[in-house]
Amino acid sequence: MEELAIQWQPVAVAAVMMILDILTGFAGAVKCKTIESGKMREGLWHKAGFFGLIALAFVYEVGSLWLNFEIAEIGIGVIVPELPAVGAVCLFIVATEVVSICENLCALNPVIAQLPVIKNLKPHDPDAADLTVEVEDEHATGAQS
């Protein structure tokens, strides 16, 4: 069976970026005097979700190697794609955290908000309503057929 060669560096970089986001977010909340434990808990749950994505990607990578070994033994002739899922997920996390850290740094130093690259970022409004799409059920009570 092929040796599993998942690199730990992308996971470490993603973890460091998550920690930097937590630290800069907390510093911004302290500066603006808006520390709220509920927001901190929500942020930690988001980070837990990111680690869940990393775990899922890891399981995919290990599973694809194992399945391909088993399939080769049986001789079916089909393979499961061996993708760098952990690296891809970590890249997504790092990109997400870079934007969040930039937002946090703007709260700490308004001059940063005037930088050309930062000006192009759409500011996150936590009070804005989430976009949802609803499908009308024609079989719902009161609907005409």
Protein backbone atom coordinates (compact mmCIF):
# COMPACT_ATOMS: atom_id res chain seq x y z
CA MET A 1 0.00 0.00 0.00
CA GLU A 2 1.20 3.50 -0.86
CA GLU A 3 2.59 5.42 2.08
CA LEU A 4 0.44 8.26 3.34
CA ALA A 5 2.26 11.51 2.67
CA ILE A 6 -0.02 14.14 4.14
CA GLN A 7 1.98 17.21 5.04
CA TRP A 8 1.49 18.82 8.45
CA GLN A 9 2.70 22.27 7.34
CA PRO A 10 -0.59 23.41 5.71
CA VAL A 11 -2.49 22.41 8.85
CA ALA A 12 0.00 24.31 11.02
CA VAL A 13 -0.28 27.43 8.83
CA ALA A 14 -4.11 27.26 8.94
CA ALA A 15 -4.02 26.83 12.74
CA VAL A 16 -1.66 29.81 13.16
CA MET A 17 -3.94 31.95 10.97
CA MET A 18 -6.95 30.95 13.09
CA ILE A 19 -5.06 31.91 16.25
CA LEU A 20 -4.05 35.25 14.71
CA ASP A 21 -7.69 35.89 13.80
CA ILE A 22 -8.76 35.17 17.38
CA LEU A 23 -6.03 37.42 18.82
CA THR A 24 -6.61 40.34 16.44
CA GLY A 25 -10.38 40.03 16.84
CA PHE A 26 -10.08 40.09 20.62
CA ALA A 27 -7.68 43.05 20.48
CA GLY A 28 -10.11 44.94 18.24
CA ALA A 29 -13.00 44.19 20.61
CA VAL A 30 -10.94 45.41 23.58
CA LYS A 31 -10.04 48.63 21.74
CA CYS A 32 -13.67 49.26 20.71
CA LYS A 33 -14.97 48.15 24.13
CA THR A 34 -17.28 45.61 22.47
CA ILE A 35 -16.19 42.37 24.09
CA GLU A 36 -19.07 39.91 23.98
CA SER A 37 -18.71 36.32 25.13
CA GLY A 38 -21.41 35.20 22.70
CA LYS A 39 -19.45 36.51 19.73
CA MET A 40 -16.29 34.87 21.03
CA ARG A 41 -18.07 31.53 21.43
CA GLU A 42 -19.50 31.83 17.92
CA GLY A 43 -16.01 32.53 16.56
CA LEU A 44 -14.61 29.50 18.34
CA TRP A 45 -17.39 27.35 16.87
CA HIS A 46 -16.40 28.61 13.42
CA LYS A 47 -12.82 27.57 14.11
CA ALA A 48 -14.04 24.15 15.27
CA GLY A 49 -15.88 23.87 11.95
CA PHE A 50 -12.64 24.61 10.11
CA PHE A 51 -10.85 21.86 12.04
CA GLY A 52 -13.77 19.59 11.16
CA LEU A 53 -13.18 20.35 7.47
CA ILE A 54 -9.50 19.50 7.88
CA ALA A 55 -10.42 16.20 9.56
CA LEU A 56 -12.90 15.38 6.80
CA ALA A 57 -10.26 16.11 4.14
CA PHE A 58 -7.77 13.92 6.00
CA VAL A 59 -10.28 11.06 6.13
CA TYR A 60 -10.85 11.46 2.38
CA GLU A 61 -7.12 11.29 1.64
CA VAL A 62 -6.59 8.24 3.84
CA GLY A 63 -9.78 6.61 2.58
CA SER A 64 -8.89 7.09 -1.07
CA LEU A 65 -5.52 5.41 -0.54
CA TRP A 66 -7.10 2.51 1.33
CA LEU A 67 -9.94 2.09 -1.16
CA ASN A 68 -7.57 2.19 -4.13
CA PHE A 69 -5.42 -0.48 -2.49
CA GLU A 70 -8.48 -2.67 -1.90
CA ILE A 71 -9.82 -2.04 -5.42
CA ALA A 72 -6.43 -2.95 -6.92
CA GLU A 73 -6.47 -6.22 -4.97
CA ILE A 74 -9.93 -7.08 -6.32
CA GLY A 75 -9.08 -5.89 -9.83
CA ILE A 76 -12.18 -3.82 -10.51
CA GLY A 77 -10.26 -1.26 -12.58
CA VAL A 78 -11.82 1.83 -10.99
CA ILE A 79 -9.93 4.24 -8.78
CA VAL A 80 -10.90 6.92 -6.29
CA PRO A 81 -9.12 10.20 -7.15
CA GLU A 82 -6.26 10.90 -4.76
CA LEU A 83 -6.61 14.64 -4.27
CA PRO A 84 -4.63 16.96 -1.98
CA ALA A 85 -7.80 17.63 0.00
CA VAL A 86 -6.09 18.71 3.23
CA GLY A 87 -3.97 21.26 1.38
CA ALA A 88 -7.00 22.60 -0.51
CA VAL A 89 -9.06 22.96 2.67
CA CYS A 90 -6.16 24.67 4.45
CA LEU A 91 -5.76 27.09 1.52
CA PHE A 92 -9.46 27.99 1.82
CA ILE A 93 -9.10 28.50 5.59
CA VAL A 94 -5.99 30.67 5.21
CA ALA A 95 -7.70 32.86 2.58
CA THR A 96 -10.76 33.25 4.83
CA GLU A 97 -8.62 34.11 7.84
CA VAL A 98 -6.51 36.65 5.91
CA VAL A 99 -9.66 38.63 5.10
CA SER A 100 -10.90 38.38 8.70
CA ILE A 101 -7.53 39.43 10.13
CA CYS A 102 -7.47 42.44 7.76
CA GLU A 103 -10.91 43.45 9.05
CA ASN A 104 -9.67 43.11 12.63
CA LEU A 105 -6.55 45.15 11.90
CA CYS A 106 -8.74 47.94 10.49
CA ALA A 107 -10.47 48.15 13.86
CA LEU A 108 -7.07 48.41 15.56
CA ASN A 109 -5.60 50.95 13.15
CA PRO A 110 -7.89 53.01 10.87
CA VAL A 111 -4.93 53.86 8.61
CA ILE A 112 -4.88 50.22 7.52
CA ALA A 113 -8.47 50.60 6.28
CA GLN A 114 -7.23 53.22 3.80
CA LEU A 115 -4.75 50.87 2.09
CA PRO A 116 -5.77 50.21 -1.53
CA VAL A 117 -6.04 46.44 -1.13
CA ILE A 118 -8.07 46.73 2.07
CA LYS A 119 -10.41 49.35 0.58
CA ASN A 120 -11.49 46.76 -2.01
CA LEU A 121 -12.70 44.36 0.69
CA LYS A 122 -16.41 44.50 1.34
CA PRO A 123 -16.79 45.06 5.10
CA HIS A 124 -18.56 42.32 7.00
CA ASP A 125 -21.78 43.44 8.66
CA PRO A 126 -22.66 40.93 11.41
CA ASP A 127 -26.03 42.66 11.91
CA ALA A 128 -27.05 42.25 8.25
CA ALA A 129 -29.70 39.66 7.54
CA ASP A 130 -28.49 36.38 6.07
CA LEU A 131 -29.49 35.74 2.49
CA THR A 132 -31.88 32.84 2.32
CA VAL A 133 -33.75 31.25 -0.53
CA GLU A 134 -37.16 29.79 0.07
CA VAL A 135 -39.07 27.40 -2.12
CA GLU A 136 -42.81 27.65 -1.95
CA ASP A 137 -44.41 24.30 -1.31
CA GLU A 138 -47.56 23.94 -3.39
CA HIS A 139 -48.78 21.20 -1.08
CA ALA A 140 -48.63 23.45 1.98
CA THR A 141 -51.81 24.27 3.86
CA GLY A 142 -53.88 26.82 1.98
CA ALA A 143 -52.15 26.31 -1.39
CA GLN A 144 -54.35 25.86 -4.44
CA SER A 145 -53.75 22.94 -6.79
